[in-house]
């Protein structure tokens, strides 16, 4: 009876070990670059900060959608994301900040597979800092691309 229980326990734990998720180091998607390439005069530190915000938001989107894990038989993908435009307008006591993003999906060798564009516009009334609105616009633009990014990564994998 103990032998039967031991065999059953080994069979169950062996099946669970085989179904374990991929290790964190086995990323199926790598964010190759994230930058602020928008026209206009911005401080280099501000552009670097925007790139970091993009990277963090994109990592969060990939994690939430389950895309960041590497699955057997699916080749690795590289993502380059950049800010291509900013627009800041103010009227009366209202400030609008809009941004345009470009995401390029490539294979391991750098061959371009897909290009996506994302946009977002945020508004605030009163004395709001533009830097905070820019960060919010970036996060919303990346978040708004979740479905199309997921479908393009799935399509690129097939």
C-alpha atoms as a PDB file:
ATOM      1  CA  UNK A   1       0.000   0.000   0.000  1.00  0.00           C
ATOM      2  CA  UNK A   2       2.851   2.390   0.827  1.00  0.00           C
ATOM      3  CA  UNK A   3       4.499   1.535  -2.470  1.00  0.00           C
ATOM      4  CA  UNK A   4       1.324   2.419  -4.370  1.00  0.00           C
ATOM      5  CA  UNK A   5       1.018   5.720  -2.478  1.00  0.00           C
ATOM      6  CA  UNK A   6       4.672   6.534  -3.237  1.00  0.00           C
ATOM      7  CA  UNK A   7       4.241   5.824  -6.967  1.00  0.00           C
ATOM      8  CA  UNK A   8       1.106   7.974  -7.061  1.00  0.00           C
ATOM      9  CA  UNK A   9       2.892  10.837  -5.255  1.00  0.00           C
ATOM     10  CA  UNK A  10       5.843  10.683  -7.664  1.00  0.00           C
ATOM     11  CA  UNK A  11       3.534  10.647 -10.663  1.00  0.00           C
ATOM     12  CA  UNK A  12       1.643  13.730  -9.452  1.00  0.00           C
ATOM     13  CA  UNK A  13       4.763  15.742  -8.512  1.00  0.00           C
ATOM     14  CA  UNK A  14       6.493  14.778 -11.758  1.00  0.00           C
ATOM     15  CA  UNK A  15       3.507  16.071 -13.748  1.00  0.00           C
ATOM     16  CA  UNK A  16       3.521  19.355 -11.790  1.00  0.00           C
ATOM     17  CA  UNK A  17       7.244  19.836 -12.356  1.00  0.00           C
ATOM     18  CA  UNK A  18       6.760  19.406 -16.099  1.00  0.00           C
ATOM     19  CA  UNK A  19       4.009  22.049 -16.092  1.00  0.00           C
ATOM     20  CA  UNK A  20       6.090  24.607 -14.171  1.00  0.00           C
ATOM     21  CA  UNK A  21       6.423  28.014 -15.836  1.00  0.00           C
ATOM     22  CA  UNK A  22       9.597  28.953 -17.692  1.00  0.00           C
ATOM     23  CA  UNK A  23      12.446  30.465 -15.709  1.00  0.00           C
ATOM     24  CA  UNK A  24      12.561  34.258 -15.643  1.00  0.00           C
ATOM     25  CA  UNK A  25      15.819  34.292 -17.620  1.00  0.00           C
ATOM     26  CA  UNK A  26      14.179  32.565 -20.592  1.00  0.00           C
ATOM     27  CA  UNK A  27      12.435  35.653 -21.923  1.00  0.00           C
ATOM     28  CA  UNK A  28      10.597  35.192 -25.184  1.00  0.00           C
ATOM     29  CA  UNK A  29      10.458  38.965 -25.721  1.00  0.00           C
ATOM     30  CA  UNK A  30      13.331  41.362 -25.113  1.00  0.00           C
ATOM     31  CA  UNK A  31      12.922  45.121 -25.022  1.00  0.00           C
ATOM     32  CA  UNK A  32      15.919  45.997 -27.155  1.00  0.00           C
ATOM     33  CA  UNK A  33      15.586  49.778 -26.854  1.00  0.00           C
ATOM     34  CA  UNK A  34      13.268  52.436 -25.495  1.00  0.00           C
ATOM     35  CA  UNK A  35      13.873  56.076 -26.291  1.00  0.00           C
ATOM     36  CA  UNK A  36      12.418  59.524 -26.769  1.00  0.00           C
ATOM     37  CA  UNK A  37      13.148  60.394 -30.401  1.00  0.00           C
ATOM     38  CA  UNK A  38      10.566  63.153 -30.585  1.00  0.00           C
ATOM     39  CA  UNK A  39      11.424  66.407 -32.319  1.00  0.00           C
ATOM     40  CA  UNK A  40      11.980  69.486 -30.233  1.00  0.00           C
ATOM     41  CA  UNK A  41      14.290  70.561 -27.476  1.00  0.00           C
ATOM     42  CA  UNK A  42      14.176  68.370 -24.402  1.00  0.00           C
ATOM     43  CA  UNK A  43      16.871  67.886 -21.810  1.00  0.00           C
ATOM     44  CA  UNK A  44      18.816  64.601 -22.368  1.00  0.00           C
ATOM     45  CA  UNK A  45      17.967  63.536 -18.806  1.00  0.00           C
ATOM     46  CA  UNK A  46      14.260  64.054 -19.488  1.00  0.00           C
ATOM     47  CA  UNK A  47      14.534  61.985 -22.685  1.00  0.00           C
ATOM     48  CA  UNK A  48      16.324  59.232 -20.756  1.00  0.00           C
ATOM     49  CA  UNK A  49      13.606  59.327 -18.083  1.00  0.00           C
ATOM     50  CA  UNK A  50      10.927  58.979 -20.778  1.00  0.00           C
ATOM     51  CA  UNK A  51      12.769  55.946 -22.169  1.00  0.00           C
ATOM     52  CA  UNK A  52      12.837  54.363 -18.716  1.00  0.00           C
ATOM     53  CA  UNK A  53       9.108  54.999 -18.237  1.00  0.00           C
ATOM     54  CA  UNK A  54       8.416  53.396 -21.625  1.00  0.00           C
ATOM     55  CA  UNK A  55      10.510  50.344 -20.749  1.00  0.00           C
ATOM     56  CA  UNK A  56       8.804  49.902 -17.379  1.00  0.00           C
ATOM     57  CA  UNK A  57       5.302  50.317 -18.836  1.00  0.00           C
ATOM     58  CA  UNK A  58       6.055  47.895 -21.667  1.00  0.00           C
ATOM     59  CA  UNK A  59       7.478  45.303 -19.269  1.00  0.00           C
ATOM     60  CA  UNK A  60       4.320  45.606 -17.179  1.00  0.00           C
ATOM     61  CA  UNK A  61       2.074  45.152 -20.232  1.00  0.00           C
ATOM     62  CA  UNK A  62       4.066  42.132 -21.430  1.00  0.00           C
ATOM     63  CA  UNK A  63       3.956  40.584 -17.963  1.00  0.00           C
ATOM     64  CA  UNK A  64       0.213  41.155 -17.508  1.00  0.00           C
ATOM     65  CA  UNK A  65      -0.599  39.720 -20.930  1.00  0.00           C
ATOM     66  CA  UNK A  66       1.624  36.671 -20.353  1.00  0.00           C
ATOM     67  CA  UNK A  67       3.782  37.365 -23.404  1.00  0.00           C
ATOM     68  CA  UNK A  68       7.136  37.723 -21.649  1.00  0.00           C
ATOM     69  CA  UNK A  69       7.539  34.003 -21.040  1.00  0.00           C
ATOM     70  CA  UNK A  70       9.385  31.830 -23.542  1.00  0.00           C
ATOM     71  CA  UNK A  71       7.492  28.783 -24.764  1.00  0.00           C
ATOM     72  CA  UNK A  72       8.952  25.755 -26.486  1.00  0.00           C
ATOM     73  CA  UNK A  73       9.226  26.201 -30.231  1.00  0.00           C
ATOM     74  CA  UNK A  74       8.528  29.937 -30.203  1.00  0.00           C
ATOM     75  CA  UNK A  75      11.522  32.016 -31.285  1.00  0.00           C
ATOM     76  CA  UNK A  76      12.638  35.050 -29.338  1.00  0.00           C
ATOM     77  CA  UNK A  77      11.397  38.491 -30.314  1.00  0.00           C
ATOM     78  CA  UNK A  78      12.950  41.937 -29.870  1.00  0.00           C
ATOM     79  CA  UNK A  79      10.987  45.126 -29.302  1.00  0.00           C
ATOM     80  CA  UNK A  80      12.170  48.670 -29.991  1.00  0.00           C
ATOM     81  CA  UNK A  81       9.863  51.383 -28.706  1.00  0.00           C
ATOM     82  CA  UNK A  82      10.250  55.113 -29.207  1.00  0.00           C
ATOM     83  CA  UNK A  83       8.332  58.320 -28.701  1.00  0.00           C
ATOM     84  CA  UNK A  84       7.866  59.965 -32.080  1.00  0.00           C
ATOM     85  CA  UNK A  85       5.824  63.021 -31.053  1.00  0.00           C
ATOM     86  CA  UNK A  86       4.746  65.132 -28.124  1.00  0.00           C
ATOM     87  CA  UNK A  87       2.122  67.842 -28.125  1.00  0.00           C
ATOM     88  CA  UNK A  88       1.405  70.088 -25.166  1.00  0.00           C
ATOM     89  CA  UNK A  89      -1.454  72.575 -25.430  1.00  0.00           C
ATOM     90  CA  UNK A  90      -3.077  74.802 -22.879  1.00  0.00           C
ATOM     91  CA  UNK A  91      -6.346  76.683 -22.978  1.00  0.00           C
ATOM     92  CA  UNK A  92      -7.681  78.671 -20.053  1.00  0.00           C
ATOM     93  CA  UNK A  93      -6.845  76.510 -17.023  1.00  0.00           C
ATOM     94  CA  UNK A  94      -6.646  73.197 -18.899  1.00  0.00           C
ATOM     95  CA  UNK A  95      -3.476  71.426 -20.085  1.00  0.00           C
ATOM     96  CA  UNK A  96      -3.532  68.663 -22.703  1.00  0.00           C
ATOM     97  CA  UNK A  97      -0.543  66.397 -23.327  1.00  0.00           C
ATOM     98  CA  UNK A  98      -0.559  63.914 -26.187  1.00  0.00           C
ATOM     99  CA  UNK A  99       2.059  61.466 -27.369  1.00  0.00           C
ATOM    100  CA  UNK A 100       2.649  59.114 -30.263  1.00  0.00           C
ATOM    101  CA  UNK A 101       4.666  55.899 -29.848  1.00  0.00           C
ATOM    102  CA  UNK A 102       6.180  53.535 -32.391  1.00  0.00           C
ATOM    103  CA  UNK A 103       6.880  49.889 -31.547  1.00  0.00           C
ATOM    104  CA  UNK A 104       8.969  47.750 -33.889  1.00  0.00           C
ATOM    105  CA  UNK A 105       8.917  43.966 -33.405  1.00  0.00           C
ATOM    106  CA  UNK A 106      11.899  42.043 -34.808  1.00  0.00           C
ATOM    107  CA  UNK A 107      13.144  38.468 -34.729  1.00  0.00           C
ATOM    108  CA  UNK A 108      16.428  37.325 -33.126  1.00  0.00           C
ATOM    109  CA  UNK A 109      18.431  38.376 -36.185  1.00  0.00           C
ATOM    110  CA  UNK A 110      16.920  41.872 -36.224  1.00  0.00           C
ATOM    111  CA  UNK A 111      14.580  41.283 -39.173  1.00  0.00           C
ATOM    112  CA  UNK A 112      11.598  43.604 -38.813  1.00  0.00           C
ATOM    113  CA  UNK A 113       8.330  41.701 -38.433  1.00  0.00           C
ATOM    114  CA  UNK A 114       5.818  44.359 -37.455  1.00  0.00           C
ATOM    115  CA  UNK A 115       5.397  48.063 -36.668  1.00  0.00           C
ATOM    116  CA  UNK A 116       2.721  49.351 -34.285  1.00  0.00           C
ATOM    117  CA  UNK A 117       1.696  52.886 -33.407  1.00  0.00           C
ATOM    118  CA  UNK A 118       0.121  53.954 -30.140  1.00  0.00           C
ATOM    119  CA  UNK A 119      -1.376  57.263 -29.079  1.00  0.00           C
ATOM    120  CA  UNK A 120      -2.688  58.777 -25.895  1.00  0.00           C
ATOM    121  CA  UNK A 121      -3.908  62.140 -24.689  1.00  0.00           C
ATOM    122  CA  UNK A 122      -4.351  63.191 -21.091  1.00  0.00           C
ATOM    123  CA  UNK A 123      -5.820  66.398 -19.740  1.00  0.00           C
ATOM    124  CA  UNK A 124      -5.767  68.145 -16.427  1.00  0.00           C
ATOM    125  CA  UNK A 125      -7.181  71.335 -15.020  1.00  0.00           C
ATOM    126  CA  UNK A 126      -5.374  73.723 -12.739  1.00  0.00           C
ATOM    127  CA  UNK A 127      -1.710  73.883 -11.891  1.00  0.00           C
ATOM    128  CA  UNK A 128      -0.546  70.417 -12.935  1.00  0.00           C
ATOM    129  CA  UNK A 129       3.053  69.610 -13.753  1.00  0.00           C
ATOM    130  CA  UNK A 130       3.617  68.739 -17.383  1.00  0.00           C
ATOM    131  CA  UNK A 131       6.193  66.077 -16.427  1.00  0.00           C
ATOM    132  CA  UNK A 132       3.527  64.114 -14.557  1.00  0.00           C
ATOM    133  CA  UNK A 133       1.114  64.411 -17.474  1.00  0.00           C
ATOM    134  CA  UNK A 134       3.810  63.182 -19.867  1.00  0.00           C
ATOM    135  CA  UNK A 135       4.416  60.119 -17.694  1.00  0.00           C
ATOM    136  CA  UNK A 136       0.696  59.410 -17.540  1.00  0.00           C
ATOM    137  CA  UNK A 137       0.355  59.796 -21.327  1.00  0.00           C
ATOM    138  CA  UNK A 138       3.218  57.344 -21.909  1.00  0.00           C
ATOM    139  CA  UNK A 139       1.722  54.754 -19.576  1.00  0.00           C
ATOM    140  CA  UNK A 140      -1.699  55.072 -21.199  1.00  0.00           C
ATOM    141  CA  UNK A 141      -0.299  54.868 -24.739  1.00  0.00           C
ATOM    142  CA  UNK A 142       1.550  51.644 -23.922  1.00  0.00           C
ATOM    143  CA  UNK A 143      -1.451  50.235 -22.065  1.00  0.00           C
ATOM    144  CA  UNK A 144      -3.693  51.037 -25.030  1.00  0.00           C
ATOM    145  CA  UNK A 145      -1.436  48.952 -27.280  1.00  0.00           C
ATOM    146  CA  UNK A 146      -1.776  45.773 -25.210  1.00  0.00           C
ATOM    147  CA  UNK A 147      -4.229  43.952 -27.470  1.00  0.00           C
ATOM    148  CA  UNK A 148      -2.530  44.844 -30.757  1.00  0.00           C
ATOM    149  CA  UNK A 149       0.913  44.130 -29.310  1.00  0.00           C
ATOM    150  CA  UNK A 150      -0.215  40.729 -28.087  1.00  0.00           C
ATOM    151  CA  UNK A 151      -1.783  39.841 -31.428  1.00  0.00           C
ATOM    152  CA  UNK A 152       1.290  40.959 -33.394  1.00  0.00           C
ATOM    153  CA  UNK A 153       3.618  38.965 -31.139  1.00  0.00           C
ATOM    154  CA  UNK A 154       1.373  35.911 -31.512  1.00  0.00           C
ATOM    155  CA  UNK A 155       1.203  36.395 -35.280  1.00  0.00           C
ATOM    156  CA  UNK A 156       4.971  36.859 -35.524  1.00  0.00           C
ATOM    157  CA  UNK A 157       5.444  33.605 -33.614  1.00  0.00           C
ATOM    158  CA  UNK A 158       3.364  31.523 -36.020  1.00  0.00           C
END
